[in-house]
Protein backbone atom coordinates (compact mmCIF):
# COMPACT_ATOMS: atom_id res chain seq x y z
CA MET A 1 70.91 74.85 -1.27
CA ASN A 2 73.81 73.08 0.41
CA LYS A 3 72.09 73.39 3.77
CA LEU A 4 68.91 71.87 2.35
CA THR A 5 70.90 69.04 0.80
CA TYR A 6 72.66 68.44 4.12
CA ARG A 7 69.36 68.29 6.01
CA SER A 8 67.86 65.99 3.41
CA GLY A 9 70.88 63.71 3.69
CA ILE A 10 70.52 63.55 7.48
CA LYS A 11 66.83 62.66 7.14
CA HIS A 12 67.64 59.88 4.70
CA VAL A 13 70.33 58.49 7.00
CA VAL A 14 67.96 58.53 9.99
CA LEU A 15 65.20 56.86 7.99
CA ALA A 16 67.63 54.24 6.67
CA ALA A 17 68.82 53.52 10.23
CA LEU A 18 65.25 53.17 11.48
CA GLY A 19 64.42 50.93 8.53
CA LEU A 20 67.43 48.74 9.34
CA LEU A 21 66.30 48.42 12.95
CA THR A 22 62.97 46.98 11.81
CA PHE A 23 64.80 44.20 9.96
CA ILE A 24 67.10 43.21 12.84
CA PRO A 25 64.51 40.91 14.54
CA PHE A 26 63.90 39.13 11.23
CA ILE A 27 67.64 38.75 10.62
CA MET A 28 68.11 37.26 14.09
CA LEU A 29 65.14 34.97 13.52
CA VAL A 30 66.77 33.52 10.41
CA LEU A 31 70.24 33.27 12.00
CA ILE A 32 69.00 31.39 15.07
CA SER A 33 66.88 29.06 12.95
CA PHE A 34 70.06 27.50 11.49
CA LYS A 35 71.76 26.78 14.87
CA ASP A 36 71.84 23.71 17.03
CA ALA A 37 71.69 23.84 20.82
CA LYS A 38 75.46 24.26 21.27
CA GLN A 39 75.73 27.06 18.70
CA PHE A 40 72.74 28.82 20.26
CA ALA A 41 74.36 28.69 23.71
CA THR A 42 77.84 29.86 22.61
CA HIS A 43 77.35 32.10 19.54
CA ARG A 44 73.75 33.23 19.68
CA TRP A 45 73.97 36.53 17.79
CA VAL A 46 76.35 35.72 14.93
CA LEU A 47 76.30 33.46 11.91
CA THR A 48 77.77 30.03 12.69
CA PHE A 49 78.69 27.02 10.59
CA PRO A 50 77.65 24.41 9.76
CA LEU A 51 74.09 25.50 9.01
CA HIS A 52 71.55 23.03 10.36
CA LEU A 53 68.93 22.77 7.61
CA GLU A 54 67.33 19.86 9.40
CA ASN A 55 65.77 22.40 11.77
CA TYR A 56 63.42 23.43 8.98
CA THR A 57 62.55 19.84 8.14
CA GLU A 58 61.66 19.09 11.74
CA ALA A 59 59.71 22.33 12.14
CA TRP A 60 57.79 21.75 8.91
CA HIS A 61 56.64 18.30 10.02
CA GLN A 62 55.39 19.81 13.27
CA ILE A 63 53.51 22.86 11.94
CA GLN A 64 52.40 21.96 8.40
CA ARG A 65 48.96 20.91 9.65
CA PHE A 66 48.46 24.26 11.38
CA ILE A 67 49.50 26.21 8.29
CA LEU A 68 46.98 24.28 6.20
CA ASN A 69 44.31 25.01 8.81
CA SER A 70 45.10 28.73 8.63
CA PHE A 71 44.81 28.68 4.83
CA ILE A 72 41.39 27.05 5.07
CA ILE A 73 40.15 29.35 7.85
CA SER A 74 41.44 32.57 6.30
CA GLY A 75 40.46 31.61 2.74
CA VAL A 76 36.83 30.82 3.53
CA THR A 77 36.58 33.86 5.79
CA VAL A 78 37.91 36.30 3.19
CA VAL A 79 35.64 34.95 0.45
CA GLY A 80 32.62 35.15 2.76
CA VAL A 81 33.44 38.66 3.98
CA ILE A 82 33.96 40.06 0.46
CA ILE A 83 30.78 38.47 -0.96
CA VAL A 84 28.53 39.56 1.91
CA SER A 85 30.10 43.04 2.06
CA CYS A 86 29.60 43.66 -1.67
CA LEU A 87 26.01 42.45 -1.52
CA ALA A 88 25.33 44.72 1.47
CA ALA A 89 27.29 47.79 0.35
CA TYR A 90 25.80 47.97 -3.17
CA PRO A 91 22.16 48.61 -2.16
CA LEU A 92 23.32 50.98 0.59
CA ALA A 93 25.24 52.98 -2.02
CA ARG A 94 23.23 52.78 -5.26
CA MET A 95 19.62 51.90 -4.36
CA ARG A 96 16.80 53.66 -2.56
CA PHE A 97 14.72 52.00 0.12
CA PHE A 98 13.06 52.81 3.43
CA LEU A 99 15.42 53.70 6.33
CA LYS A 100 18.51 53.21 4.18
CA GLU A 101 20.63 55.83 5.93
CA GLN A 102 19.53 54.69 9.40
CA ILE A 103 20.47 51.09 8.60
CA TYR A 104 23.86 52.21 7.31
CA PHE A 105 24.61 54.25 10.44
CA LEU A 106 23.55 51.34 12.64
CA ILE A 107 26.02 49.11 10.79
CA ILE A 108 28.98 51.47 11.01
CA SER A 109 28.21 52.22 14.67
CA LEU A 110 29.45 48.69 15.35
CA LEU A 111 32.95 49.96 14.57
CA MET A 112 32.90 51.80 17.90
CA ILE A 113 32.47 48.57 19.88
CA PRO A 114 35.82 46.96 20.85
CA SER A 115 36.01 43.39 19.64
CA VAL A 116 37.03 42.15 23.09
CA LEU A 117 33.60 43.14 24.43
CA THR A 118 31.93 40.76 21.99
CA LEU A 119 33.88 37.65 23.02
CA VAL A 120 31.47 36.49 25.74
CA PRO A 121 28.23 37.10 23.75
CA LEU A 122 29.75 35.44 20.68
CA PHE A 123 30.86 32.47 22.74
CA GLY A 124 27.33 32.09 24.08
CA ILE A 125 25.95 32.12 20.52
CA VAL A 126 28.48 29.52 19.41
CA ILE A 127 27.47 27.26 22.29
CA LYS A 128 23.75 27.60 21.49
CA LEU A 129 24.40 26.80 17.82
CA HIS A 130 26.45 23.73 18.82
CA ILE A 131 29.42 24.66 16.65
CA LEU A 132 32.14 24.41 19.30
CA ASN A 133 35.28 22.62 18.13
CA ASN A 134 34.18 23.27 14.55
CA TRP A 135 35.50 25.64 11.91
CA LEU A 136 31.98 27.07 11.64
CA GLY A 137 32.62 28.55 15.07
CA LEU A 138 35.49 30.52 13.51
CA TRP A 139 34.05 31.29 10.09
CA GLY A 140 30.74 32.69 11.34
CA PRO A 141 32.11 35.29 13.81
CA TYR A 142 35.00 36.18 11.48
CA ILE A 143 32.68 36.86 8.55
CA ALA A 144 30.15 38.71 10.68
CA GLY A 145 32.78 40.86 12.36
CA GLY A 146 34.93 41.51 9.30
CA GLN A 147 32.21 42.83 7.04
CA VAL A 148 31.42 45.98 9.07
CA PHE A 149 34.57 47.84 8.04
CA CYS A 150 34.32 46.40 4.53
CA ILE A 151 30.76 47.70 4.13
CA PHE A 152 31.90 51.12 5.32
CA VAL A 153 34.70 51.26 2.74
CA LEU A 154 32.86 49.65 -0.16
CA ARG A 155 29.75 51.75 0.29
CA SER A 156 31.81 54.93 0.00
CA PHE A 157 33.58 53.64 -3.10
CA PHE A 158 30.41 52.40 -4.79
CA ALA A 159 28.70 55.73 -4.15
CA SER A 160 31.58 57.60 -5.83
CA LEU A 161 31.16 55.76 -9.15
CA SER A 162 29.62 57.65 -12.04
CA GLU A 163 25.84 57.36 -12.27
CA GLU A 164 25.99 57.43 -16.10
CA MET A 165 27.47 53.91 -16.18
CA PHE A 166 24.59 52.53 -14.14
CA GLU A 167 21.97 54.32 -16.24
CA ALA A 168 23.50 52.98 -19.46
CA ALA A 169 23.56 49.44 -18.09
CA ARG A 170 19.94 49.63 -16.94
CA MET A 171 18.87 50.99 -20.33
CA ASP A 172 20.47 47.91 -21.90
CA GLY A 173 18.28 45.75 -19.69
CA ALA A 174 20.80 44.81 -17.00
CA GLY A 175 19.42 44.05 -13.55
CA GLU A 176 21.01 45.09 -10.29
CA ALA A 177 22.87 41.78 -9.93
CA LYS A 178 24.26 42.14 -13.46
CA VAL A 179 25.34 45.72 -12.77
CA LEU A 180 27.08 44.66 -9.58
CA LEU A 181 28.97 41.78 -11.19
CA SER A 182 29.82 43.36 -14.55
CA ILE A 183 30.49 46.99 -13.58
CA VAL A 184 30.93 47.55 -9.87
CA VAL A 185 33.11 44.56 -8.94
CA PRO A 186 35.62 44.97 -11.82
CA LEU A 187 36.04 48.66 -11.00
CA SER A 188 36.49 47.83 -7.32
CA LYS A 189 39.28 45.26 -7.64
CA PRO A 190 41.96 47.41 -5.92
CA ILE A 191 39.66 48.15 -2.97
CA ILE A 192 38.48 44.56 -2.75
CA GLY A 193 42.09 43.34 -2.88
CA THR A 194 43.08 45.70 -0.08
CA LEU A 195 40.17 44.60 2.12
CA ALA A 196 40.96 40.96 1.39
CA MET A 197 44.57 41.43 2.53
CA LEU A 198 43.49 43.21 5.71
CA ASN A 199 41.07 40.41 6.51
CA ILE A 200 43.70 37.75 5.83
CA LEU A 201 46.05 39.50 8.26
CA SER A 202 43.42 39.75 10.99
CA THR A 203 42.27 36.13 10.73
CA TRP A 204 45.73 34.63 10.13
CA ASN A 205 47.11 36.24 13.30
CA GLU A 206 44.02 35.65 15.47
CA TYR A 207 44.93 33.90 18.69
CA VAL A 208 42.31 34.36 21.43
CA TRP A 209 39.13 33.28 19.64
CA PRO A 210 40.48 29.94 18.28
CA ILE A 211 41.62 28.98 21.78
CA MET A 212 38.13 29.71 23.12
CA VAL A 213 36.22 27.85 20.40
CA MET A 214 38.47 24.98 19.31
CA ASN A 215 39.25 22.13 21.70
CA SER A 216 41.06 19.89 19.22
CA ILE A 217 44.66 20.88 18.55
CA LYS A 218 44.36 19.29 15.09
CA LEU A 219 41.95 22.06 13.97
CA GLN A 220 43.89 25.02 15.36
CA PRO A 221 45.41 27.76 13.15
CA ILE A 222 49.10 28.57 13.05
CA PRO A 223 49.26 31.09 15.98
CA VAL A 224 47.91 28.47 18.40
CA GLY A 225 49.93 25.77 16.65
CA LEU A 226 53.13 27.72 17.29
CA LEU A 227 52.25 27.93 20.98
CA TYR A 228 51.74 24.16 21.03
CA PHE A 229 55.01 23.70 19.14
CA THR A 230 56.82 25.95 21.64
CA GLN A 231 55.63 23.82 24.56
CA LYS A 232 56.85 20.63 22.88
CA GLN A 233 60.12 21.89 21.39
CA THR A 234 63.24 22.47 23.49
CA ASP A 235 65.63 23.09 20.57
CA TYR A 236 65.63 26.83 19.80
CA GLY A 237 66.91 26.27 16.27
CA SER A 238 63.87 24.20 15.28
CA LEU A 239 61.59 26.55 17.20
CA PHE A 240 62.80 29.64 15.34
CA ALA A 241 62.70 27.68 12.07
CA GLY A 242 59.01 27.11 12.74
CA TYR A 243 58.51 30.84 13.29
CA ALA A 244 60.31 31.56 10.01
CA ILE A 245 58.18 29.08 8.07
CA ALA A 246 54.99 30.50 9.57
CA SER A 247 55.91 34.00 8.35
CA VAL A 248 56.52 32.94 4.74
CA PRO A 249 52.85 32.93 3.55
CA LEU A 250 52.23 36.53 4.65
CA VAL A 251 55.58 37.69 3.25
CA LEU A 252 54.74 36.13 -0.12
CA LEU A 253 51.26 37.64 0.01
CA PHE A 254 52.64 41.14 0.40
CA ALA A 255 55.36 40.52 -2.17
CA PHE A 256 52.90 39.54 -4.90
CA ALA A 257 49.97 41.78 -3.93
CA SER A 258 51.72 44.92 -2.66
CA LYS A 259 51.03 46.86 -5.86
CA GLN A 260 47.30 46.20 -5.68
CA PHE A 261 47.36 46.95 -1.95
CA VAL A 262 48.91 50.38 -2.54
CA GLU A 263 46.47 51.09 -5.36
CA GLY A 264 43.59 50.29 -3.04
CA LEU A 265 44.90 52.58 -0.32
CA SER A 266 45.37 55.45 -2.77
CA SER A 267 42.10 55.04 -4.66
CA GLY A 268 40.28 57.53 -2.47
CA SER A 269 38.14 55.24 -0.36
CA VAL A 270 40.69 54.30 2.28
CA LYS A 271 42.76 57.02 3.86
CA MET A 272 45.58 55.83 6.10
């Protein structure tokens, strides 16, 4: 028993050390964000006084437009992906129609295509639709590309729901749209929340596609905005303050939605 306790203690110490290592970059990010140029040059890795809070004020004025752009881009994308995915996954899971299984396998086969291979064809489509330098050039490909995995997950979850609930609803006169909105969607909130968070992460951190599609810096999301800010800013304190501000929305998202995220992962549809 003592040997088992000793081994368990060693494992906990190792895990705690590894966990601490993951926080070191964030700690250094915050420390450097409060330094001026002289403090950064002489005492880069330790806390120094006075703390320069003006770094955050300057950084906020530079990147606030890009953060707002990211909220708009990610928000519209997530809403579009969830709506289209639910509307597509429900008939694939609960209805019968010609070539249903073949259509489903064609959809999920798109998961095997690396997204980088679709950049050139998508860019050609965006040019033909004349939506360059327009948020439609981001929303369309994001929604189209994000719904494949969501359909795969939601279809499996919808198919696992008890058939008795659907039969009772239909006997009461509910149509398919009513069943979807009143039964399926409420029962699927953890899964939908998990998929929404995953889509927010993917669109919020997207870097390559906005550079290809958007010419105006005023319409760019925060990853491209930080690159633009880096090229303009020579003060590392303000630069790291901008990085810290840009990370706050995702940190808050996980802080307030982590419980629902874990519930979605453990609900049986998503295995990670």
